[in-house]
């Protein structure tokens, strides 16, 4: 038998783990940012709501992207 292995091994991608954590923190912060955006941004509720919704959507898409790339295969 040979010591060389031709099997591919799935390895956790550290960049994806960090990306998931950053997107998660961004999403949680956005949950509480509505009053701040209204007060400091000088915008109405509807505008602030859609700004926060856009941030939440970007965070969700980021998490989905990083989860898809969570494991990289090394041979």
C-alpha atoms as a PDB file:
ATOM      1  CA  UNK A   1       0.000   0.000   0.000  1.00  0.00           C
ATOM      2  CA  UNK A   2       1.065   3.525  -0.680  1.00  0.00           C
ATOM      3  CA  UNK A   3       1.258   6.344   1.858  1.00  0.00           C
ATOM      4  CA  UNK A   4      -0.219   8.793  -0.641  1.00  0.00           C
ATOM      5  CA  UNK A   5      -3.939   9.375  -0.463  1.00  0.00           C
ATOM      6  CA  UNK A   6      -5.926  10.505  -3.489  1.00  0.00           C
ATOM      7  CA  UNK A   7      -8.955  11.436  -1.420  1.00  0.00           C
ATOM      8  CA  UNK A   8     -10.091  15.032  -1.259  1.00  0.00           C
ATOM      9  CA  UNK A   9     -10.644  16.393   2.216  1.00  0.00           C
ATOM     10  CA  UNK A  10     -13.156  19.134   3.012  1.00  0.00           C
ATOM     11  CA  UNK A  11     -11.436  21.807   5.079  1.00  0.00           C
ATOM     12  CA  UNK A  12     -13.201  24.610   6.898  1.00  0.00           C
ATOM     13  CA  UNK A  13     -12.645  27.923   5.133  1.00  0.00           C
ATOM     14  CA  UNK A  14     -11.652  30.462   7.807  1.00  0.00           C
ATOM     15  CA  UNK A  15     -12.558  33.431   5.622  1.00  0.00           C
ATOM     16  CA  UNK A  16     -16.111  32.151   5.315  1.00  0.00           C
ATOM     17  CA  UNK A  17     -16.408  31.697   9.073  1.00  0.00           C
ATOM     18  CA  UNK A  18     -15.273  35.296   9.628  1.00  0.00           C
ATOM     19  CA  UNK A  19     -17.645  36.493   6.890  1.00  0.00           C
ATOM     20  CA  UNK A  20     -20.591  34.717   8.501  1.00  0.00           C
ATOM     21  CA  UNK A  21     -19.750  36.291  11.868  1.00  0.00           C
ATOM     22  CA  UNK A  22     -19.431  39.790  10.380  1.00  0.00           C
ATOM     23  CA  UNK A  23     -22.713  39.488   8.469  1.00  0.00           C
ATOM     24  CA  UNK A  24     -24.434  38.167  11.585  1.00  0.00           C
ATOM     25  CA  UNK A  25     -23.200  41.086  13.705  1.00  0.00           C
ATOM     26  CA  UNK A  26     -24.267  43.529  10.972  1.00  0.00           C
ATOM     27  CA  UNK A  27     -27.746  41.973  10.846  1.00  0.00           C
ATOM     28  CA  UNK A  28     -28.165  42.092  14.628  1.00  0.00           C
ATOM     29  CA  UNK A  29     -26.981  45.712  14.762  1.00  0.00           C
ATOM     30  CA  UNK A  30     -29.409  46.636  11.993  1.00  0.00           C
ATOM     31  CA  UNK A  31     -32.303  45.243  14.041  1.00  0.00           C
ATOM     32  CA  UNK A  32     -31.781  48.007  16.593  1.00  0.00           C
ATOM     33  CA  UNK A  33     -30.708  50.765  14.202  1.00  0.00           C
ATOM     34  CA  UNK A  34     -34.145  51.999  13.097  1.00  0.00           C
ATOM     35  CA  UNK A  35     -34.525  54.712  15.779  1.00  0.00           C
ATOM     36  CA  UNK A  36     -30.930  55.820  15.240  1.00  0.00           C
ATOM     37  CA  UNK A  37     -31.364  56.143  11.486  1.00  0.00           C
ATOM     38  CA  UNK A  38     -34.561  58.113  12.011  1.00  0.00           C
ATOM     39  CA  UNK A  39     -33.068  60.479  14.589  1.00  0.00           C
ATOM     40  CA  UNK A  40     -29.599  61.093  13.153  1.00  0.00           C
ATOM     41  CA  UNK A  41     -30.424  60.644   9.496  1.00  0.00           C
ATOM     42  CA  UNK A  42     -33.385  62.970   9.598  1.00  0.00           C
ATOM     43  CA  UNK A  43     -35.484  60.607   7.506  1.00  0.00           C
ATOM     44  CA  UNK A  44     -39.014  59.387   7.993  1.00  0.00           C
ATOM     45  CA  UNK A  45     -40.049  55.956   9.180  1.00  0.00           C
ATOM     46  CA  UNK A  46     -40.672  54.554   5.690  1.00  0.00           C
ATOM     47  CA  UNK A  47     -37.265  55.574   4.365  1.00  0.00           C
ATOM     48  CA  UNK A  48     -35.451  54.337   7.481  1.00  0.00           C
ATOM     49  CA  UNK A  49     -37.376  51.054   7.331  1.00  0.00           C
ATOM     50  CA  UNK A  50     -36.331  50.400   3.725  1.00  0.00           C
ATOM     51  CA  UNK A  51     -32.717  51.327   4.457  1.00  0.00           C
ATOM     52  CA  UNK A  52     -32.637  48.820   7.321  1.00  0.00           C
ATOM     53  CA  UNK A  53     -34.411  46.244   5.144  1.00  0.00           C
ATOM     54  CA  UNK A  54     -31.737  46.656   2.471  1.00  0.00           C
ATOM     55  CA  UNK A  55     -28.987  46.162   5.067  1.00  0.00           C
ATOM     56  CA  UNK A  56     -30.726  43.023   6.353  1.00  0.00           C
ATOM     57  CA  UNK A  57     -31.061  41.685   2.794  1.00  0.00           C
ATOM     58  CA  UNK A  58     -27.367  42.265   2.082  1.00  0.00           C
ATOM     59  CA  UNK A  59     -26.447  40.536   5.350  1.00  0.00           C
ATOM     60  CA  UNK A  60     -28.684  37.553   4.521  1.00  0.00           C
ATOM     61  CA  UNK A  61     -27.194  37.246   1.030  1.00  0.00           C
ATOM     62  CA  UNK A  62     -23.706  37.507   2.507  1.00  0.00           C
ATOM     63  CA  UNK A  63     -24.422  34.733   4.980  1.00  0.00           C
ATOM     64  CA  UNK A  64     -25.829  32.548   2.191  1.00  0.00           C
ATOM     65  CA  UNK A  65     -22.725  33.167   0.049  1.00  0.00           C
ATOM     66  CA  UNK A  66     -20.332  32.366   2.885  1.00  0.00           C
ATOM     67  CA  UNK A  67     -22.246  29.216   3.878  1.00  0.00           C
ATOM     68  CA  UNK A  68     -22.045  27.958   0.292  1.00  0.00           C
ATOM     69  CA  UNK A  69     -18.251  28.507   0.373  1.00  0.00           C
ATOM     70  CA  UNK A  70     -17.777  27.240   3.936  1.00  0.00           C
ATOM     71  CA  UNK A  71     -15.771  24.158   2.986  1.00  0.00           C
ATOM     72  CA  UNK A  72     -12.999  24.039   0.446  1.00  0.00           C
ATOM     73  CA  UNK A  73     -11.672  20.782  -0.913  1.00  0.00           C
ATOM     74  CA  UNK A  74      -8.008  19.998  -0.721  1.00  0.00           C
ATOM     75  CA  UNK A  75      -6.422  17.007  -2.302  1.00  0.00           C
END
